[in-house]
């Protein structure tokens, strides 16, 4: 049996969003009114928060499911952070492309406990919408062509749906070619 998701305007359902995600969506909608209509949220079973489980249970297109990967590296003692948005059927090119973009010798995935602490979000629901300012938001170019995409909402009990082009237009987002392999 395939589950169906009930998509509704995210700003009308603040209980389904992490606090940083709600604050960022609210601020974004103030400058880009289409955000209120085009960013949707659906409640899910938290056990389905992982991409593979949700895709299987709900019959979603795996290419439309987009993962947020948090990465860090240092140069000259200064830490450089990024959130890479890549389709779930690919993987972020941390060792080459992201390392080069961050201009660091070595880039690594941020450990789970730190990712949760930095973001104020739940692991399995981390989204670029609401990440703190030191994070660069890197969006793999093919993501911007998909409509819709499904991303985290900041909590494990829901997901966001929006056009990939809207995610690419998120304040501070950087559209990057060859971010994924």
Protein backbone atom coordinates (compact mmCIF):
# COMPACT_ATOMS: atom_id res chain seq x y z
CA UNK A 1 0.00 0.00 0.00
CA UNK A 2 1.34 3.42 -0.98
CA UNK A 3 0.70 6.27 1.44
CA UNK A 4 -0.41 9.64 0.10
CA UNK A 5 0.78 12.92 1.53
CA UNK A 6 -1.53 15.83 2.31
CA UNK A 7 0.38 18.92 1.14
CA UNK A 8 -0.70 22.26 2.64
CA UNK A 9 0.82 25.76 2.77
CA UNK A 10 3.71 25.50 5.24
CA UNK A 11 3.16 28.89 6.85
CA UNK A 12 -0.38 27.81 7.76
CA UNK A 13 1.06 24.87 9.75
CA UNK A 14 3.84 26.21 12.00
CA UNK A 15 3.47 23.16 14.26
CA UNK A 16 5.03 21.06 11.47
CA UNK A 17 8.17 23.20 11.17
CA UNK A 18 11.30 23.62 13.28
CA UNK A 19 11.49 27.09 14.84
CA UNK A 20 14.42 28.23 12.64
CA UNK A 21 12.61 26.97 9.52
CA UNK A 22 9.42 28.82 10.44
CA UNK A 23 11.33 32.05 11.11
CA UNK A 24 13.23 31.79 7.81
CA UNK A 25 10.10 30.96 5.79
CA UNK A 26 8.23 33.88 7.37
CA UNK A 27 11.05 36.31 6.56
CA UNK A 28 11.42 34.92 3.04
CA UNK A 29 7.68 35.21 2.35
CA UNK A 30 7.82 38.88 3.39
CA UNK A 31 10.17 39.58 0.47
CA UNK A 32 8.94 36.87 -1.94
CA UNK A 33 5.15 36.50 -1.56
CA UNK A 34 5.00 33.33 -3.71
CA UNK A 35 6.74 31.48 -0.86
CA UNK A 36 3.48 31.48 1.12
CA UNK A 37 1.71 29.63 -1.70
CA UNK A 38 4.48 27.48 -3.15
CA UNK A 39 6.20 26.07 -0.06
CA UNK A 40 4.01 23.25 1.18
CA UNK A 41 4.29 20.91 4.15
CA UNK A 42 2.97 17.41 4.79
CA UNK A 43 2.94 15.52 8.03
CA UNK A 44 4.69 12.14 7.92
CA UNK A 45 5.44 9.29 10.26
CA UNK A 46 8.84 10.20 11.81
CA UNK A 47 10.00 6.67 11.01
CA UNK A 48 9.72 7.64 7.33
CA UNK A 49 11.95 10.74 7.63
CA UNK A 50 14.86 9.02 5.91
CA UNK A 51 14.64 9.50 2.15
CA UNK A 52 14.62 5.84 1.12
CA UNK A 53 11.83 4.99 3.56
CA UNK A 54 9.67 7.94 2.47
CA UNK A 55 10.20 7.30 -1.25
CA UNK A 56 9.21 3.66 -0.82
CA UNK A 57 6.21 4.27 1.44
CA UNK A 58 4.78 7.19 -0.53
CA UNK A 59 5.80 6.32 -4.07
CA UNK A 60 7.73 9.57 -4.47
CA UNK A 61 10.12 10.15 -7.34
CA UNK A 62 13.59 9.52 -5.87
CA UNK A 63 15.05 12.20 -8.18
CA UNK A 64 12.67 14.76 -6.65
CA UNK A 65 13.79 13.96 -3.11
CA UNK A 66 16.61 16.31 -2.20
CA UNK A 67 19.00 15.77 0.68
CA UNK A 68 20.74 18.43 2.75
CA UNK A 69 24.32 17.51 3.62
CA UNK A 70 26.26 19.66 6.12
CA UNK A 71 29.99 19.94 5.47
CA UNK A 72 32.90 21.74 7.16
CA UNK A 73 36.53 22.47 6.45
CA UNK A 74 39.22 24.83 7.76
CA UNK A 75 41.66 27.20 6.15
CA UNK A 76 44.03 29.34 8.17
CA UNK A 77 42.32 28.25 11.37
CA UNK A 78 38.96 29.57 10.12
CA UNK A 79 36.13 27.08 9.76
CA UNK A 80 34.07 27.20 6.55
CA UNK A 81 30.62 25.63 6.49
CA UNK A 82 28.21 24.60 3.75
CA UNK A 83 24.89 22.90 3.26
CA UNK A 84 24.84 21.00 -0.02
CA UNK A 85 21.47 20.26 -1.61
CA UNK A 86 21.65 17.24 -3.91
CA UNK A 87 19.14 14.78 -5.34
CA UNK A 88 18.83 11.63 -3.26
CA UNK A 89 19.89 9.55 -6.27
CA UNK A 90 23.30 11.26 -6.21
CA UNK A 91 25.84 12.09 -3.55
CA UNK A 92 27.51 15.37 -2.71
CA UNK A 93 31.03 15.62 -4.13
CA UNK A 94 32.57 16.55 -0.78
CA UNK A 95 36.17 15.59 -1.58
CA UNK A 96 36.44 17.58 -4.78
CA UNK A 97 33.75 20.11 -5.67
CA UNK A 98 32.68 21.20 -2.17
CA UNK A 99 36.26 21.22 -0.90
CA UNK A 100 37.18 23.50 -3.82
CA UNK A 101 34.17 25.78 -3.25
CA UNK A 102 35.06 26.13 0.43
CA UNK A 103 38.72 26.66 -0.50
CA UNK A 104 39.93 24.19 2.12
CA UNK A 105 42.41 21.31 2.03
CA UNK A 106 39.93 18.82 3.50
CA UNK A 107 36.15 18.90 3.80
CA UNK A 108 34.17 16.50 5.98
CA UNK A 109 30.59 15.75 6.88
CA UNK A 110 29.58 17.44 10.11
CA UNK A 111 28.87 14.92 12.89
CA UNK A 112 25.21 14.35 13.74
CA UNK A 113 25.29 15.93 17.20
CA UNK A 114 26.91 19.08 15.87
CA UNK A 115 24.55 19.25 12.87
CA UNK A 116 21.57 19.15 15.24
CA UNK A 117 23.11 21.73 17.61
CA UNK A 118 24.16 24.12 14.82
CA UNK A 119 20.86 23.94 12.94
CA UNK A 120 18.36 23.80 15.79
CA UNK A 121 16.70 21.05 13.76
CA UNK A 122 16.19 17.31 14.10
CA UNK A 123 18.51 14.88 12.34
CA UNK A 124 16.66 13.45 9.36
CA UNK A 125 14.80 16.71 8.87
CA UNK A 126 17.62 19.24 8.45
CA UNK A 127 16.88 21.76 5.72
CA UNK A 128 18.79 24.76 4.39
CA UNK A 129 15.77 26.94 5.17
CA UNK A 130 16.69 28.37 8.54
CA UNK A 131 20.34 27.35 8.80
CA UNK A 132 22.45 29.97 10.60
CA UNK A 133 24.40 32.50 8.56
CA UNK A 134 27.86 30.95 8.57
CA UNK A 135 26.51 28.17 6.33
CA UNK A 136 26.76 28.63 2.59
CA UNK A 137 23.72 27.13 0.86
CA UNK A 138 24.92 25.21 -2.20
CA UNK A 139 22.22 23.92 -4.57
CA UNK A 140 23.17 21.42 -7.25
CA UNK A 141 22.06 22.92 -10.58
CA UNK A 142 19.81 19.98 -11.62
CA UNK A 143 17.77 20.47 -8.42
CA UNK A 144 16.67 23.88 -9.70
CA UNK A 145 14.98 22.29 -12.73
CA UNK A 146 12.77 19.92 -10.75
CA UNK A 147 9.18 20.71 -9.85
CA UNK A 148 8.38 19.81 -7.19
CA UNK A 149 11.17 18.75 -4.87
CA UNK A 150 10.80 17.31 -1.37
CA UNK A 151 13.18 18.44 1.38
CA UNK A 152 13.33 18.43 5.17
CA UNK A 153 11.24 20.76 7.29
CA UNK A 154 13.57 20.88 10.27
CA UNK A 155 11.65 18.12 12.07
CA UNK A 156 11.32 14.40 11.36
CA UNK A 157 7.52 14.45 11.40
CA UNK A 158 7.05 16.45 8.18
CA UNK A 159 8.55 17.32 4.80
CA UNK A 160 8.50 20.42 2.63
CA UNK A 161 7.58 20.49 -1.05
CA UNK A 162 8.48 23.39 -3.34
CA UNK A 163 9.71 24.08 -6.87
CA UNK A 164 13.45 23.51 -7.25
CA UNK A 165 13.70 26.95 -8.85
CA UNK A 166 12.30 28.49 -5.67
CA UNK A 167 14.91 26.71 -3.54
CA UNK A 168 17.59 28.06 -5.89
CA UNK A 169 16.14 31.54 -5.28
CA UNK A 170 16.34 31.15 -1.48
CA UNK A 171 18.29 34.08 0.01
CA UNK A 172 22.02 33.30 0.00
CA UNK A 173 21.55 30.13 -2.06
CA UNK A 174 24.27 29.50 -4.61
CA UNK A 175 23.45 27.49 -7.73
CA UNK A 176 26.42 25.19 -8.38
CA UNK A 177 27.20 22.94 -11.34
CA UNK A 178 28.67 19.51 -10.68
CA UNK A 179 27.95 19.62 -6.94
CA UNK A 180 26.88 15.98 -7.01
CA UNK A 181 28.33 12.82 -8.46
